[in-house]
Amino acid sequence: MRPGIFAVRATQRRPAILNEYLPLGQVVDEGDTILQTRRLVKGRRPSFQLHDGTERDTTPADRVPNSTPAVPATEGRIHTMRDLAQDKKFTRSYAAVDEFGAPTTFAGTMAFTTANPELINVTDHGDGSAEVAAVGGGALGPADLTFTATPDSGGAAVVIADTINVVVGAAEGFVATDSPDEEVTPDL
């Protein structure tokens, strides 16, 4: 064999490319390279960035179930789940972002609703933010919170389903429990 020329045995062929490793789109095998052509539709469907404010103590007015529209319980995927002590409230807000997560504007209506007004009060501000307060009084459990953004253009609404789990609050005091009286000296 001459220098610089290599013999290839029949058993040492180049392995075949498996379909699961092929790139997406139109593929042209150019011999040593593969040309991939793909079209991605950018779309106009907005995304929203979640921001929860700090928890604050509720007031007696927060603990009275309000007229938040009741909606059917969420079926399907939950976006976020968070615990809320039964004597606390917080502000939840969503801001529109583009496909890269950069802030953008949203022309349309934004609303928060709950399927469980007996567990949480939702005060919707109409700007993508709402105050969520636990009703308290021993009402514990998961409450569905739904954010709906409907574009003015008539496109598909963006619906984000969250769960607020109302839990027992922190210890605020102590309750004394006495046992029944016992005889300490025998009767004669």
N, C-alpha and C. Protein backbone atom coordinates (compact mmCIF):
# COMPACT_ATOMS: atom_id res chain seq x y z
N MET A 1 0.84 -1.16 0.00
CA MET A 1 0.00 0.00 0.00
C MET A 1 0.89 1.24 0.00
N ARG A 2 0.51 2.23 -0.77
CA ARG A 2 1.30 3.45 -0.86
C ARG A 2 0.99 4.37 0.30
N PRO A 3 1.94 5.21 0.71
CA PRO A 3 1.68 6.15 1.80
C PRO A 3 0.59 7.15 1.39
N GLY A 4 -0.29 7.52 2.36
CA GLY A 4 -1.36 8.49 2.10
C GLY A 4 -2.64 7.87 1.59
N ILE A 5 -2.63 6.60 1.24
CA ILE A 5 -3.85 5.94 0.77
C ILE A 5 -4.21 4.88 1.80
N PHE A 6 -5.45 4.93 2.24
CA PHE A 6 -5.90 4.02 3.28
C PHE A 6 -6.96 3.08 2.72
N ALA A 7 -6.84 1.85 3.04
CA ALA A 7 -7.82 0.87 2.59
C ALA A 7 -8.94 0.80 3.62
N VAL A 8 -10.17 0.69 3.14
CA VAL A 8 -11.32 0.57 4.03
C VAL A 8 -11.93 -0.80 3.80
N ARG A 9 -12.03 -1.55 4.85
CA ARG A 9 -12.65 -2.85 4.74
C ARG A 9 -14.15 -2.70 4.55
N ALA A 10 -14.78 -3.69 3.98
CA ALA A 10 -16.22 -3.66 3.73
C ALA A 10 -17.02 -3.58 5.03
N THR A 11 -16.47 -4.06 6.13
CA THR A 11 -17.19 -4.05 7.41
C THR A 11 -17.06 -2.71 8.12
N GLN A 12 -16.23 -1.79 7.62
CA GLN A 12 -16.03 -0.50 8.28
C GLN A 12 -16.76 0.62 7.56
N ARG A 13 -17.97 0.39 7.16
CA ARG A 13 -18.75 1.43 6.48
C ARG A 13 -19.22 2.49 7.46
N ARG A 14 -19.51 3.66 6.92
CA ARG A 14 -20.02 4.76 7.72
C ARG A 14 -21.39 4.38 8.29
N PRO A 15 -21.64 4.59 9.58
CA PRO A 15 -22.94 4.21 10.15
C PRO A 15 -24.06 5.05 9.55
N ALA A 16 -25.21 4.44 9.41
CA ALA A 16 -26.38 5.13 8.86
C ALA A 16 -26.91 6.12 9.89
N ILE A 17 -27.44 7.23 9.42
CA ILE A 17 -28.05 8.22 10.31
C ILE A 17 -29.46 7.75 10.62
N LEU A 18 -29.78 7.69 11.91
CA LEU A 18 -31.10 7.25 12.32
C LEU A 18 -32.09 8.40 12.19
N ASN A 19 -33.33 8.08 11.87
CA ASN A 19 -34.35 9.09 11.68
C ASN A 19 -34.56 9.97 12.90
N GLU A 20 -34.42 9.42 14.10
CA GLU A 20 -34.64 10.22 15.29
C GLU A 20 -33.57 11.30 15.49
N TYR A 21 -32.46 11.20 14.82
CA TYR A 21 -31.40 12.19 14.94
C TYR A 21 -31.41 13.20 13.79
N LEU A 22 -32.29 13.02 12.81
CA LEU A 22 -32.34 13.95 11.69
C LEU A 22 -32.93 15.27 12.14
N PRO A 23 -32.47 16.37 11.59
CA PRO A 23 -33.06 17.67 11.94
C PRO A 23 -34.45 17.80 11.34
N LEU A 24 -35.21 18.75 11.85
CA LEU A 24 -36.57 18.98 11.38
C LEU A 24 -36.57 19.84 10.13
N GLY A 25 -37.66 19.81 9.38
CA GLY A 25 -37.79 20.64 8.19
C GLY A 25 -37.34 19.90 6.95
N GLN A 26 -37.09 20.67 5.88
CA GLN A 26 -36.62 20.08 4.62
C GLN A 26 -35.13 19.77 4.76
N VAL A 27 -34.74 18.53 4.47
CA VAL A 27 -33.36 18.09 4.63
C VAL A 27 -32.82 17.65 3.27
N VAL A 28 -31.66 18.18 2.91
CA VAL A 28 -31.00 17.80 1.67
C VAL A 28 -29.63 17.24 2.03
N ASP A 29 -29.38 15.97 1.66
CA ASP A 29 -28.08 15.35 1.93
C ASP A 29 -27.13 15.80 0.83
N GLU A 30 -26.09 16.56 1.22
CA GLU A 30 -25.12 17.09 0.26
C GLU A 30 -23.83 16.29 0.26
N GLY A 31 -23.89 15.09 0.76
CA GLY A 31 -22.67 14.27 0.81
C GLY A 31 -22.03 14.39 2.17
N ASP A 32 -21.05 15.28 2.30
CA ASP A 32 -20.37 15.47 3.58
C ASP A 32 -21.18 16.30 4.56
N THR A 33 -22.13 17.06 4.07
CA THR A 33 -22.95 17.91 4.94
C THR A 33 -24.42 17.65 4.67
N ILE A 34 -25.24 18.12 5.60
CA ILE A 34 -26.69 18.07 5.45
C ILE A 34 -27.19 19.50 5.51
N LEU A 35 -28.03 19.90 4.53
CA LEU A 35 -28.63 21.23 4.51
C LEU A 35 -30.03 21.11 5.10
N GLN A 36 -30.30 21.93 6.12
CA GLN A 36 -31.59 21.92 6.78
C GLN A 36 -32.29 23.26 6.51
N THR A 37 -33.52 23.22 6.03
CA THR A 37 -34.31 24.42 5.79
C THR A 37 -35.58 24.29 6.61
N ARG A 38 -35.84 25.29 7.47
CA ARG A 38 -36.99 25.27 8.36
C ARG A 38 -37.64 26.63 8.40
N ARG A 39 -38.94 26.68 8.46
CA ARG A 39 -39.65 27.94 8.64
C ARG A 39 -40.35 27.88 10.00
N LEU A 40 -40.12 28.88 10.79
CA LEU A 40 -40.77 28.99 12.09
C LEU A 40 -41.72 30.16 12.06
N VAL A 41 -42.97 29.92 12.40
CA VAL A 41 -43.95 30.99 12.46
C VAL A 41 -43.81 31.67 13.82
N LYS A 42 -43.54 32.97 13.80
CA LYS A 42 -43.30 33.69 15.04
C LYS A 42 -44.54 33.76 15.91
N GLY A 43 -45.68 33.93 15.30
CA GLY A 43 -46.91 33.94 16.08
C GLY A 43 -47.07 35.23 16.86
N ARG A 44 -48.29 35.48 17.29
CA ARG A 44 -48.59 36.68 18.05
C ARG A 44 -49.20 36.33 19.40
N ARG A 45 -49.11 35.09 19.81
CA ARG A 45 -49.70 34.69 21.09
C ARG A 45 -48.80 35.18 22.22
N PRO A 46 -49.32 36.04 23.08
CA PRO A 46 -48.47 36.58 24.15
C PRO A 46 -48.29 35.58 25.29
N SER A 47 -47.26 35.77 26.03
CA SER A 47 -47.02 35.03 27.27
C SER A 47 -47.14 36.04 28.41
N PHE A 48 -47.23 35.54 29.63
CA PHE A 48 -47.33 36.43 30.76
C PHE A 48 -46.36 36.00 31.84
N GLN A 49 -45.75 36.98 32.50
CA GLN A 49 -44.78 36.75 33.57
C GLN A 49 -45.49 36.91 34.90
N LEU A 50 -45.38 35.91 35.77
CA LEU A 50 -46.02 35.91 37.08
C LEU A 50 -45.20 36.71 38.08
N HIS A 51 -45.89 37.48 38.94
CA HIS A 51 -45.24 38.16 40.06
C HIS A 51 -46.21 38.16 41.23
N ASP A 52 -45.81 37.54 42.34
CA ASP A 52 -46.60 37.57 43.57
C ASP A 52 -45.98 38.57 44.51
N GLY A 53 -46.81 39.42 45.10
CA GLY A 53 -46.32 40.36 46.09
C GLY A 53 -46.11 39.68 47.43
N THR A 54 -45.62 40.43 48.41
CA THR A 54 -45.38 39.86 49.74
C THR A 54 -46.71 39.62 50.45
N GLU A 55 -46.71 38.64 51.34
CA GLU A 55 -47.92 38.35 52.11
C GLU A 55 -48.12 39.44 53.16
N ARG A 56 -49.40 39.76 53.40
CA ARG A 56 -49.77 40.74 54.41
C ARG A 56 -50.91 40.16 55.24
N ASP A 57 -51.11 40.68 56.43
CA ASP A 57 -52.22 40.23 57.26
C ASP A 57 -53.54 40.67 56.63
N THR A 58 -54.55 39.81 56.76
CA THR A 58 -55.87 40.15 56.24
C THR A 58 -56.61 41.04 57.24
N THR A 59 -57.60 41.73 56.76
CA THR A 59 -58.47 42.52 57.60
C THR A 59 -59.80 41.78 57.73
N PRO A 60 -60.66 42.14 58.67
CA PRO A 60 -61.96 41.46 58.76
C PRO A 60 -62.77 41.54 57.46
N ALA A 61 -62.63 42.63 56.71
CA ALA A 61 -63.37 42.75 55.44
C ALA A 61 -62.88 41.73 54.42
N ASP A 62 -61.61 41.34 54.49
CA ASP A 62 -61.07 40.34 53.56
C ASP A 62 -61.64 38.96 53.81
N ARG A 63 -62.14 38.73 55.01
CA ARG A 63 -62.58 37.39 55.38
C ARG A 63 -64.04 37.11 55.06
N VAL A 64 -64.73 38.08 54.50
CA VAL A 64 -66.12 37.89 54.09
C VAL A 64 -66.11 37.53 52.61
N PRO A 65 -66.67 36.35 52.25
CA PRO A 65 -66.66 35.99 50.82
C PRO A 65 -67.29 37.10 49.98
N ASN A 66 -66.59 37.46 48.89
CA ASN A 66 -67.08 38.55 48.05
C ASN A 66 -67.76 38.02 46.80
N SER A 67 -68.03 38.89 45.86
CA SER A 67 -68.79 38.51 44.67
C SER A 67 -67.90 38.16 43.49
N THR A 68 -66.70 37.61 43.75
CA THR A 68 -65.84 37.17 42.66
C THR A 68 -66.60 36.15 41.83
N PRO A 69 -66.63 36.32 40.49
CA PRO A 69 -67.39 35.36 39.68
C PRO A 69 -66.88 33.94 39.87
N ALA A 70 -67.79 33.03 40.13
CA ALA A 70 -67.41 31.62 40.27
C ALA A 70 -67.32 30.99 38.89
N VAL A 71 -66.30 30.24 38.65
CA VAL A 71 -66.10 29.55 37.38
C VAL A 71 -65.95 28.07 37.68
N PRO A 72 -66.14 27.20 36.69
CA PRO A 72 -65.95 25.77 36.95
C PRO A 72 -64.53 25.47 37.39
N ALA A 73 -64.38 24.42 38.15
CA ALA A 73 -63.04 24.02 38.61
C ALA A 73 -62.16 23.72 37.40
N THR A 74 -60.88 24.02 37.57
CA THR A 74 -59.92 23.84 36.48
C THR A 74 -59.71 22.36 36.21
N GLU A 75 -59.81 21.99 34.95
CA GLU A 75 -59.50 20.62 34.55
C GLU A 75 -58.28 20.70 33.65
N GLY A 76 -57.24 20.00 33.98
CA GLY A 76 -56.04 20.04 33.15
C GLY A 76 -54.85 20.52 33.95
N ARG A 77 -53.96 21.16 33.25
CA ARG A 77 -52.67 21.53 33.80
C ARG A 77 -52.73 22.78 34.67
N ILE A 78 -52.10 22.73 35.82
CA ILE A 78 -52.01 23.87 36.72
C ILE A 78 -50.67 24.57 36.46
N HIS A 79 -50.72 25.88 36.32
CA HIS A 79 -49.51 26.66 36.02
C HIS A 79 -48.63 26.79 37.25
N THR A 80 -49.18 27.29 38.35
CA THR A 80 -48.43 27.40 39.61
C THR A 80 -49.32 26.97 40.76
N MET A 81 -48.68 26.57 41.85
CA MET A 81 -49.40 26.23 43.07
C MET A 81 -48.66 26.89 44.21
N ARG A 82 -49.41 27.49 45.11
CA ARG A 82 -48.77 28.19 46.21
C ARG A 82 -49.61 28.04 47.47
N ASP A 83 -48.95 28.02 48.62
CA ASP A 83 -49.64 27.96 49.90
C ASP A 83 -49.91 29.38 50.39
N LEU A 84 -51.05 29.55 51.03
CA LEU A 84 -51.43 30.83 51.62
C LEU A 84 -52.03 30.56 52.98
N ALA A 85 -51.43 31.16 54.02
CA ALA A 85 -51.96 30.99 55.38
C ALA A 85 -53.35 31.60 55.44
N GLN A 86 -54.24 31.00 56.26
CA GLN A 86 -55.63 31.41 56.28
C GLN A 86 -55.86 32.82 56.83
N ASP A 87 -54.82 33.47 57.35
CA ASP A 87 -54.96 34.84 57.84
C ASP A 87 -54.10 35.83 57.03
N LYS A 88 -53.78 35.46 55.78
CA LYS A 88 -52.91 36.30 54.95
C LYS A 88 -53.55 36.61 53.60
N LYS A 89 -52.96 37.59 52.91
CA LYS A 89 -53.35 37.93 51.55
C LYS A 89 -52.10 38.36 50.80
N PHE A 90 -52.17 38.39 49.46
CA PHE A 90 -51.05 38.84 48.64
C PHE A 90 -51.60 39.40 47.34
N THR A 91 -50.75 40.09 46.59
CA THR A 91 -51.14 40.62 45.28
C THR A 91 -50.46 39.78 44.22
N ARG A 92 -51.25 39.29 43.27
CA ARG A 92 -50.71 38.52 42.15
C ARG A 92 -50.87 39.37 40.90
N SER A 93 -49.82 39.41 40.08
CA SER A 93 -49.91 40.16 38.82
C SER A 93 -49.23 39.38 37.71
N TYR A 94 -49.77 39.55 36.52
CA TYR A 94 -49.18 38.99 35.31
C TYR A 94 -48.87 40.15 34.37
N ALA A 95 -47.69 40.11 33.77
CA ALA A 95 -47.28 41.13 32.79
C ALA A 95 -47.00 40.43 31.47
N ALA A 96 -47.43 41.04 30.37
CA ALA A 96 -47.23 40.45 29.04
C ALA A 96 -45.75 40.45 28.67
N VAL A 97 -45.30 39.35 28.08
CA VAL A 97 -43.92 39.23 27.58
C VAL A 97 -43.96 38.61 26.19
N ASP A 98 -42.92 38.87 25.39
CA ASP A 98 -42.86 38.26 24.06
C ASP A 98 -42.25 36.87 24.15
N GLU A 99 -42.00 36.25 22.99
CA GLU A 99 -41.51 34.87 22.98
C GLU A 99 -40.13 34.69 23.60
N PHE A 100 -39.41 35.82 23.79
CA PHE A 100 -38.08 35.76 24.41
C PHE A 100 -38.11 36.17 25.87
N GLY A 101 -39.31 36.49 26.39
CA GLY A 101 -39.43 36.86 27.79
C GLY A 101 -39.24 38.34 28.05
N ALA A 102 -39.12 39.16 27.01
CA ALA A 102 -38.96 40.60 27.17
C ALA A 102 -40.34 41.25 27.36
N PRO A 103 -40.45 42.24 28.24
CA PRO A 103 -41.74 42.90 28.46
C PRO A 103 -42.29 43.50 27.16
N THR A 104 -43.60 43.40 27.00
CA THR A 104 -44.28 43.94 25.83
C THR A 104 -45.65 44.45 26.26
N THR A 105 -46.41 45.00 25.34
CA THR A 105 -47.74 45.50 25.66
C THR A 105 -48.79 44.45 25.26
N PHE A 106 -49.96 44.55 25.88
CA PHE A 106 -51.06 43.64 25.56
C PHE A 106 -52.32 44.48 25.40
N ALA A 107 -52.94 44.41 24.24
CA ALA A 107 -54.19 45.12 23.98
C ALA A 107 -55.33 44.14 24.17
N GLY A 108 -56.04 44.29 25.25
CA GLY A 108 -57.14 43.39 25.54
C GLY A 108 -57.56 43.49 26.99
N THR A 109 -58.42 42.57 27.41
CA THR A 109 -58.89 42.56 28.79
C THR A 109 -58.22 41.44 29.56
N MET A 110 -57.96 41.69 30.84
CA MET A 110 -57.35 40.69 31.72
C MET A 110 -58.22 40.59 32.96
N ALA A 111 -58.52 39.35 33.38
CA ALA A 111 -59.41 39.15 34.52
C ALA A 111 -58.99 37.93 35.32
N PHE A 112 -59.19 38.02 36.64
CA PHE A 112 -58.97 36.90 37.55
C PHE A 112 -60.33 36.41 38.03
N THR A 113 -60.49 35.08 38.13
CA THR A 113 -61.71 34.47 38.67
C THR A 113 -61.30 33.29 39.55
N THR A 114 -62.23 32.87 40.40
CA THR A 114 -61.97 31.71 41.24
C THR A 114 -63.17 30.78 41.21
N ALA A 115 -62.93 29.50 41.36
CA ALA A 115 -64.00 28.51 41.47
C ALA A 115 -64.35 28.25 42.92
N ASN A 116 -63.60 28.87 43.83
CA ASN A 116 -63.78 28.59 45.26
C ASN A 116 -63.85 29.89 46.07
N PRO A 117 -64.92 30.69 45.92
CA PRO A 117 -65.01 31.93 46.68
C PRO A 117 -65.19 31.70 48.18
N GLU A 118 -65.50 30.47 48.59
CA GLU A 118 -65.60 30.17 50.02
C GLU A 118 -64.22 30.03 50.67
N LEU A 119 -63.15 29.90 49.84
CA LEU A 119 -61.79 29.77 50.38
C LEU A 119 -60.95 31.03 50.17
N ILE A 120 -61.09 31.68 49.02
CA ILE A 120 -60.30 32.89 48.74
C ILE A 120 -61.19 33.99 48.17
N ASN A 121 -60.89 35.22 48.55
CA ASN A 121 -61.50 36.40 47.95
C ASN A 121 -60.53 36.93 46.90
N VAL A 122 -61.03 37.25 45.72
CA VAL A 122 -60.21 37.80 44.66
C VAL A 122 -60.74 39.18 44.31
N THR A 123 -59.91 40.19 44.50
CA THR A 123 -60.27 41.56 44.12
C THR A 123 -59.48 41.87 42.87
N ASP A 124 -60.14 41.80 41.71
CA ASP A 124 -59.50 42.01 40.41
C ASP A 124 -59.37 43.51 40.14
N HIS A 125 -58.16 43.95 39.77
CA HIS A 125 -57.93 45.36 39.47
C HIS A 125 -58.09 45.66 37.99
N GLY A 126 -58.25 44.63 37.14
CA GLY A 126 -58.47 44.83 35.71
C GLY A 126 -57.24 45.16 34.90
N ASP A 127 -56.08 45.23 35.56
CA ASP A 127 -54.83 45.58 34.86
C ASP A 127 -53.83 44.43 34.86
N GLY A 128 -54.32 43.21 35.10
CA GLY A 128 -53.44 42.06 35.19
C GLY A 128 -52.99 41.77 36.60
N SER A 129 -53.56 42.50 37.57
CA SER A 129 -53.21 42.25 38.97
C SER A 129 -54.50 42.06 39.78
N ALA A 130 -54.37 41.34 40.87
CA ALA A 130 -55.50 41.09 41.75
C ALA A 130 -54.98 40.83 43.15
N GLU A 131 -55.79 41.19 44.13
CA GLU A 131 -55.47 40.88 45.52
C GLU A 131 -56.18 39.59 45.88
N VAL A 132 -55.43 38.63 46.39
CA VAL A 132 -55.97 37.33 46.76
C VAL A 132 -55.87 37.21 48.27
N ALA A 133 -57.01 37.05 48.94
CA ALA A 133 -57.05 36.96 50.40
C ALA A 133 -57.75 35.67 50.81
N ALA A 134 -57.18 35.00 51.80
CA ALA A 134 -57.82 33.81 52.35
C ALA A 134 -59.02 34.24 53.16
N VAL A 135 -60.15 33.53 53.02
CA VAL A 135 -61.36 33.86 53.76
C VAL A 135 -61.15 33.57 55.24
N GLY A 136 -60.41 32.51 55.56
CA GLY A 136 -60.11 32.18 56.95
C GLY A 136 -61.28 31.53 57.65
N GLY A 137 -61.27 31.60 58.97
CA GLY A 137 -62.35 31.02 59.75
C GLY A 137 -62.37 29.50 59.69
N GLY A 138 -61.23 28.89 59.41
CA GLY A 138 -61.15 27.44 59.35
C GLY A 138 -61.37 26.87 57.97
N ALA A 139 -61.66 27.73 56.97
CA ALA A 139 -61.85 27.25 55.59
C ALA A 139 -60.48 26.96 54.98
N LEU A 140 -60.16 25.68 54.85
CA LEU A 140 -58.84 25.26 54.35
C LEU A 140 -59.00 24.40 53.11
N GLY A 141 -57.96 24.37 52.27
CA GLY A 141 -57.97 23.50 51.10
C GLY A 141 -57.54 24.23 49.84
N PRO A 142 -57.50 23.51 48.71
CA PRO A 142 -57.06 24.12 47.45
C PRO A 142 -58.18 24.93 46.80
N ALA A 143 -57.81 26.10 46.29
CA ALA A 143 -58.75 26.96 45.58
C ALA A 143 -58.20 27.25 44.19
N ASP A 144 -59.05 27.12 43.19
CA ASP A 144 -58.62 27.41 41.81
C ASP A 144 -58.66 28.91 41.57
N LEU A 145 -57.60 29.43 40.96
CA LEU A 145 -57.51 30.83 40.58
C LEU A 145 -57.18 30.84 39.09
N THR A 146 -58.01 31.50 38.28
CA THR A 146 -57.83 31.50 36.83
C THR A 146 -57.60 32.92 36.34
N PHE A 147 -56.54 33.10 35.56
CA PHE A 147 -56.25 34.38 34.90
C PHE A 147 -56.57 34.21 33.43
N THR A 148 -57.38 35.11 32.88
CA THR A 148 -57.76 35.06 31.47
C THR A 148 -57.44 36.38 30.81
N ALA A 149 -56.65 36.33 29.74
CA ALA A 149 -56.32 37.52 28.95
C ALA A 149 -56.93 37.35 27.57
N THR A 150 -57.87 38.21 27.22
CA THR A 150 -58.58 38.13 25.94
C THR A 150 -58.13 39.28 25.04
N PRO A 151 -57.48 38.98 23.90
CA PRO A 151 -57.02 40.05 23.03
C PRO A 151 -58.18 40.78 22.36
N ASP A 152 -58.03 42.11 22.16
CA ASP A 152 -59.03 42.90 21.45
C ASP A 152 -59.18 42.46 20.01
N SER A 153 -58.12 41.86 19.44
CA SER A 153 -58.13 41.47 18.03
C SER A 153 -59.02 40.26 17.76
N GLY A 154 -59.56 39.64 18.82
CA GLY A 154 -60.42 38.48 18.64
C GLY A 154 -59.66 37.16 18.59
N GLY A 155 -58.37 37.19 18.86
CA GLY A 155 -57.58 35.96 18.87
C GLY A 155 -57.94 35.09 20.06
N ALA A 156 -57.29 33.95 20.15
CA ALA A 156 -57.54 33.02 21.24
C ALA A 156 -57.14 33.63 22.58
N ALA A 157 -57.96 33.41 23.58
CA ALA A 157 -57.66 33.92 24.91
C ALA A 157 -56.55 33.09 25.53
N VAL A 158 -55.74 33.75 26.36
CA VAL A 158 -54.70 33.07 27.12
C VAL A 158 -55.30 32.80 28.50
N VAL A 159 -55.35 31.51 28.88
CA VAL A 159 -55.91 31.12 30.17
C VAL A 159 -54.82 30.45 30.98
N ILE A 160 -54.58 30.99 32.18
CA ILE A 160 -53.56 30.44 33.07
C ILE A 160 -54.27 29.99 34.35
N ALA A 161 -54.18 28.70 34.66
CA ALA A 161 -54.83 28.13 35.84
C ALA A 161 -53.81 27.96 36.95
N ASP A 162 -54.11 28.50 38.10
CA ASP A 162 -53.26 28.39 39.28
C ASP A 162 -54.06 27.79 40.43
N THR A 163 -53.38 27.26 41.42
CA THR A 163 -54.03 26.75 42.62
C THR A 163 -53.44 27.44 43.83
N ILE A 164 -54.31 27.97 44.67
CA ILE A 164 -53.92 28.59 45.93
C ILE A 164 -54.37 27.63 47.03
N ASN A 165 -53.43 27.08 47.77
CA ASN A 165 -53.73 26.11 48.82
C ASN A 165 -53.80 26.86 50.15
N VAL A 166 -55.00 27.02 50.68
CA VAL A 166 -55.19 27.73 51.95
C VAL A 166 -54.84 26.77 53.08
N VAL A 167 -53.86 27.17 53.89
CA VAL A 167 -53.34 26.31 54.96
C VAL A 167 -53.49 26.99 56.31
N VAL A 168 -53.27 26.24 57.36
CA VAL A 168 -53.33 26.76 58.72
C VAL A 168 -52.26 27.83 58.88
N GLY A 169 -52.61 28.91 59.57
CA GLY A 169 -51.66 30.00 59.80
C GLY A 169 -50.67 29.66 60.90
N ALA A 170 -49.77 30.60 61.15
CA ALA A 170 -48.76 30.44 62.20
C ALA A 170 -49.42 30.51 63.57
N ALA A 171 -48.74 29.98 64.58
CA ALA A 171 -49.27 30.01 65.95
C ALA A 171 -49.42 31.45 66.42
N GLU A 172 -50.59 31.78 66.91
CA GLU A 172 -50.88 33.13 67.40
C GLU A 172 -51.10 33.13 68.90
N GLY A 173 -51.27 31.99 69.50
CA GLY A 173 -51.53 31.90 70.93
C GLY A 173 -51.63 30.44 71.33
N PHE A 174 -52.15 30.20 72.52
CA PHE A 174 -52.27 28.85 73.04
C PHE A 174 -53.66 28.64 73.63
N VAL A 175 -54.16 27.42 73.55
CA VAL A 175 -55.45 27.06 74.13
C VAL A 175 -55.18 26.06 75.24
N ALA A 176 -55.73 26.33 76.41
CA ALA A 176 -55.54 25.43 77.55
C ALA A 176 -56.67 24.42 77.59
N THR A 177 -56.31 23.18 77.87
CA THR A 177 -57.29 22.12 78.01
C THR A 177 -57.03 21.41 79.32
N ASP A 178 -58.04 21.38 80.19
CA ASP A 178 -57.89 20.72 81.49
C ASP A 178 -58.55 19.35 81.45
N SER A 179 -57.95 18.42 82.18
CA SER A 179 -58.56 17.10 82.31
C SER A 179 -59.64 17.17 83.40
N PRO A 180 -60.52 16.15 83.47
CA PRO A 180 -61.50 16.14 84.55
C PRO A 180 -60.81 16.04 85.92
N ASP A 181 -61.45 16.55 86.95
CA ASP A 181 -60.89 16.49 88.30
C ASP A 181 -60.69 15.04 88.74
N GLU A 182 -59.59 14.81 89.45
CA GLU A 182 -59.29 13.47 89.98
C GLU A 182 -59.18 13.57 91.50
N GLU A 183 -59.54 12.50 92.13
CA GLU A 183 -59.43 12.39 93.58
C GLU A 183 -57.97 12.24 93.94
N VAL A 184 -57.47 13.07 94.87
CA VAL A 184 -56.07 12.96 95.27
C VAL A 184 -55.93 12.33 96.66
N THR A 185 -56.98 12.42 97.47
CA THR A 185 -56.95 11.76 98.79
C THR A 185 -58.17 10.83 98.86
N PRO A 186 -57.96 9.64 99.36
CA PRO A 186 -59.10 8.71 99.42
C PRO A 186 -60.14 9.17 100.48
N ASP A 187 -61.39 8.92 100.16
CA ASP A 187 -62.48 9.22 101.11
C ASP A 187 -62.50 8.16 102.19
N LEU A 188 -62.70 8.54 103.46
CA LEU A 188 -62.76 7.58 104.57
C LEU A 188 -64.13 7.28 104.99
